[in-house]
Every structure is written in structure tokens, then in C-alpha cells.
């Protein structure tokens, strides 16, 4: 099997591979180094070529108390048992916004399509662009419906609690989490 390049080794190589293989036939639009569509698609399970990128999205869903929705990853996923904010890959033909709305609905059962939102930033990774979105939604944890095979629990946390969880190896590795919260306007 070809070894995938996920950047610097953070000790989670098998978790990254497990995530790739969760939907191996999923198709992504290929982007160039400037985030432009190339007109080509890519099968999720195949290694990306040099200079190819795909779009991923991350949703920070904040309630009226100023806490963020976090979900626990299902036992069969990479990073099993770790907490995370909702996110995933944008599939071929989707925009960043339609992809993030779909991911939130699939993984949490919450429809954020009519809620106030703000684009926060784009982070460029080795073979991906991660668009980060903030949604303001009045929700209760009882409204959250975990997606079998994806999520198994839900909670809320402050920005500081999330940063502490990430530093304590309880949150999926997120190298630019502090930058996101700074751009949202959280006092750290």
C-alpha cells in the first residue's frame, strides 16, 4: 500500500488513513494551489498528486451562551473517542457553504441553513484547503442527533475549554485552532 503524506508525523498516521477509507468512493473536486477548480475530480481513497488540493470545511456552531457544539467521534472512526467540531470533505459539485451545511446536518441533525453565519478563514494544508465557518444557532443538546458511524456523543464547550482539550490530546489535532478563535473574536 502506498504511504500517504499527511505532513509532519504527529503519531496519528493510522487515524488519518482510517478517515480516508471511511468513504473510499467519495469524489472531490480537485483544486489548484490557488484554490481554483481544475475541472477534474478525485476519488477519496487515492493519494493526491503534487499540486492537487481538495476542499474541506469546519463548522463552529455557537449557541446563545457563547459555547460551541462539539461531538465525540464514533469508535469505528479515526481518532475514535476524540472530541471535534463538525467538519468534513466537500464533495464534487458542492460549494464550501453547501458542504458545511450538509456536514452539520449529517453529523448532528442540526439545520443551520437559515441561521446567521460568517466565513472566518481558509487554512491551506498539504493537499487541502480548510474553510472555517461560524454559525450562530440557538440549540439544546437534546436537539443533536448523532450520526451512527460518525459521532457518538455531543456537548458544548467554551473556546478556552476546546483549546485545553486539544492541548490535552482529547480533541482531534487542529493546528490552527487558536487562530480561528482569534478571528472569531474570542478572548484567549
Protein backbone atom coordinates (compact mmCIF):
# COMPACT_ATOMS: atom_id res chain seq x y z
CA UNK A 1 0.00 0.00 0.00
CA UNK A 2 1.26 3.45 -0.89
CA UNK A 3 2.14 5.62 2.11
CA UNK A 4 0.11 8.80 2.31
CA UNK A 5 1.78 12.08 3.18
CA UNK A 6 -0.10 13.91 5.94
CA UNK A 7 2.69 16.30 6.77
CA UNK A 8 4.81 16.07 9.92
CA UNK A 9 4.29 12.80 11.83
CA UNK A 10 2.10 13.55 14.81
CA UNK A 11 1.68 9.90 15.83
CA UNK A 12 -1.78 9.60 14.27
CA UNK A 13 -0.97 8.18 10.81
CA UNK A 14 -3.40 5.25 11.17
CA UNK A 15 -6.20 7.61 12.23
CA UNK A 16 -5.71 9.67 9.08
CA UNK A 17 -5.73 6.55 6.87
CA UNK A 18 -8.87 5.23 8.61
CA UNK A 19 -10.62 8.53 7.86
CA UNK A 20 -9.66 8.35 4.18
CA UNK A 21 -11.02 4.83 3.89
CA UNK A 22 -14.36 5.62 5.56
CA UNK A 23 -15.92 6.60 2.19
CA UNK A 24 -13.34 5.49 -0.40
CA UNK A 25 -15.54 6.11 -3.47
CA UNK A 26 -16.47 9.68 -2.49
CA UNK A 27 -15.50 12.15 -5.22
CA UNK A 28 -13.89 15.51 -4.59
CA UNK A 29 -13.31 18.41 -6.95
CA UNK A 30 -9.59 18.97 -7.47
CA UNK A 31 -8.37 22.50 -6.76
CA UNK A 32 -5.08 24.06 -7.80
CA UNK A 33 -2.60 25.74 -5.43
CA UNK A 34 -4.67 28.97 -5.61
CA UNK A 35 -7.96 27.24 -4.67
CA UNK A 36 -9.32 27.32 -8.22
CA UNK A 37 -11.37 24.44 -9.60
CA UNK A 38 -9.42 22.44 -12.17
CA UNK A 39 -12.42 20.68 -13.74
CA UNK A 40 -11.10 17.32 -12.53
CA UNK A 41 -12.33 15.07 -9.73
CA UNK A 42 -10.50 12.84 -7.29
CA UNK A 43 -11.53 9.58 -5.60
CA UNK A 44 -11.12 9.92 -1.83
CA UNK A 45 -9.15 6.70 -1.30
CA UNK A 46 -6.48 7.58 -3.88
CA UNK A 47 -3.40 9.58 -2.85
CA UNK A 48 -3.45 13.13 -4.18
CA UNK A 49 -0.77 14.20 -6.65
CA UNK A 50 1.68 17.03 -6.12
CA UNK A 51 -0.08 20.37 -6.63
CA UNK A 52 -3.58 18.92 -6.13
CA UNK A 53 -5.86 20.07 -3.33
CA UNK A 54 -9.40 19.39 -2.18
CA UNK A 55 -11.86 21.41 -0.14
CA UNK A 56 -12.68 20.59 3.46
CA UNK A 57 -14.92 22.56 5.79
CA UNK A 58 -15.14 23.12 9.52
CA UNK A 59 -18.20 24.45 11.34
CA UNK A 60 -18.10 26.21 14.67
CA UNK A 61 -21.72 26.25 15.86
CA UNK A 62 -22.11 28.69 18.75
CA UNK A 63 -25.18 28.83 21.00
CA UNK A 64 -26.64 31.88 22.74
CA UNK A 65 -24.50 31.15 25.84
CA UNK A 66 -21.36 31.54 23.71
CA UNK A 67 -20.47 27.85 23.85
CA UNK A 68 -19.58 25.75 20.82
CA UNK A 69 -21.08 22.44 19.79
CA UNK A 70 -18.55 19.62 19.95
CA UNK A 71 -19.10 15.97 19.09
CA UNK A 72 -17.27 12.81 20.04
CA UNK A 73 -16.03 10.66 17.17
CA UNK A 74 -17.53 7.19 16.87
CA UNK A 75 -15.45 4.13 17.87
CA UNK A 76 -15.01 2.97 14.25
CA UNK A 77 -13.59 6.33 13.06
CA UNK A 78 -10.01 7.52 13.06
CA UNK A 79 -9.39 9.49 16.26
CA UNK A 80 -12.07 7.37 17.94
CA UNK A 81 -13.32 8.92 21.17
CA UNK A 82 -11.74 12.32 20.46
CA UNK A 83 -13.87 15.45 20.55
CA UNK A 84 -14.17 17.70 17.49
CA UNK A 85 -16.16 20.45 15.87
CA UNK A 86 -18.17 19.38 12.85
CA UNK A 87 -16.40 19.18 9.53
CA UNK A 88 -15.53 17.08 6.55
CA UNK A 89 -14.80 17.00 2.87
CA UNK A 90 -16.79 18.91 0.30
CA UNK A 91 -17.98 16.51 -2.38
CA UNK A 92 -17.74 17.13 -6.13
CA UNK A 93 -20.17 19.81 -7.26
CA UNK A 94 -20.71 21.35 -3.82
CA UNK A 95 -19.60 24.78 -2.69
CA UNK A 96 -17.86 25.32 0.61
CA UNK A 97 -21.08 26.71 2.11
CA UNK A 98 -23.36 23.90 0.87
CA UNK A 99 -20.78 21.36 2.04
CA UNK A 100 -20.54 22.78 5.56
CA UNK A 101 -24.33 22.99 5.91
CA UNK A 102 -24.60 19.34 4.76
CA UNK A 103 -21.87 18.19 7.16
CA UNK A 104 -23.56 19.85 10.15
CA UNK A 105 -26.92 18.30 9.22
CA UNK A 106 -25.47 14.83 8.62
CA UNK A 107 -23.30 14.67 11.73
CA UNK A 108 -25.55 16.48 14.23
CA UNK A 109 -29.06 16.63 12.80
CA UNK A 110 -28.99 20.43 13.13
CA UNK A 111 -30.09 22.51 10.14
CA UNK A 112 -28.01 25.70 10.06
CA UNK A 113 -29.11 26.78 6.57
CA UNK A 114 -31.33 29.59 7.93
CA UNK A 115 -29.09 30.66 10.82
CA UNK A 116 -26.73 33.66 10.86
CA UNK A 117 -23.28 32.66 9.66
CA UNK A 118 -19.90 34.15 8.93
CA UNK A 119 -16.97 32.88 6.89
CA UNK A 120 -13.93 33.01 9.20
CA UNK A 121 -10.88 31.92 7.25
CA UNK A 122 -9.19 29.47 4.91
CA UNK A 123 -6.26 27.36 6.07
CA UNK A 124 -4.05 25.80 3.38
CA UNK A 125 -2.77 22.35 4.27
CA UNK A 126 -0.59 19.86 2.39
CA UNK A 127 -3.33 18.75 -0.01
CA UNK A 128 -6.39 20.62 1.19
CA UNK A 129 -7.95 23.99 1.82
CA UNK A 130 -9.99 24.13 5.03
CA UNK A 131 -12.71 26.76 5.06
CA UNK A 132 -13.86 27.62 8.58
CA UNK A 133 -17.41 28.85 9.19
CA UNK A 134 -19.14 30.21 12.28
CA UNK A 135 -22.89 29.63 12.74
CA UNK A 136 -24.97 31.25 15.45
CA UNK A 137 -27.70 28.78 16.42
CA UNK A 138 -29.98 28.57 19.43
CA UNK A 139 -29.95 24.84 20.13
CA UNK A 140 -30.18 22.42 23.01
CA UNK A 141 -28.08 19.28 23.28
CA UNK A 142 -31.33 17.30 23.12
CA UNK A 143 -31.72 18.67 19.54
CA UNK A 144 -28.47 17.00 18.45
CA UNK A 145 -28.85 13.64 16.71
CA UNK A 146 -25.53 11.84 16.44
CA UNK A 147 -24.84 10.16 13.11
CA UNK A 148 -24.12 6.44 13.56
CA UNK A 149 -20.60 5.64 12.41
CA UNK A 150 -19.56 9.30 12.66
CA UNK A 151 -20.45 10.72 16.08
CA UNK A 152 -21.48 9.12 19.37
CA UNK A 153 -21.92 12.00 21.83
CA UNK A 154 -22.34 15.76 21.91
CA UNK A 155 -21.53 18.54 24.33
CA UNK A 156 -20.80 22.25 24.39
CA UNK A 157 -17.58 23.96 25.39
CA UNK A 158 -16.06 27.41 25.55
CA UNK A 159 -13.18 28.39 23.29
CA UNK A 160 -10.75 28.02 26.20
CA UNK A 161 -12.09 24.56 27.07
CA UNK A 162 -11.66 23.45 23.45
CA UNK A 163 -8.08 24.77 23.33
CA UNK A 164 -7.31 22.95 26.58
CA UNK A 165 -8.85 19.73 25.23
CA UNK A 166 -6.76 19.99 22.05
CA UNK A 167 -3.59 20.57 24.10
CA UNK A 168 -4.51 17.61 26.32
CA UNK A 169 -4.90 15.18 23.39
CA UNK A 170 -8.68 14.91 23.87
CA UNK A 171 -9.60 16.89 20.75
CA UNK A 172 -8.78 15.98 17.14
CA UNK A 173 -5.45 17.68 16.27
CA UNK A 174 -6.23 21.19 15.00
CA UNK A 175 -3.03 23.12 14.34
CA UNK A 176 -4.74 26.47 13.73
CA UNK A 177 -7.45 26.40 16.44
CA UNK A 178 -6.12 29.46 18.28
CA UNK A 179 -6.04 31.45 15.04
CA UNK A 180 -9.69 30.52 14.39
CA UNK A 181 -10.81 31.68 17.82
CA UNK A 182 -8.81 34.90 17.50
CA UNK A 183 -10.51 35.63 14.15
CA UNK A 184 -13.91 34.85 15.69
CA UNK A 185 -13.07 37.41 18.38
CA UNK A 186 -12.73 35.14 21.41
CA UNK A 187 -10.54 36.46 24.21
CA UNK A 188 -8.00 33.75 24.89
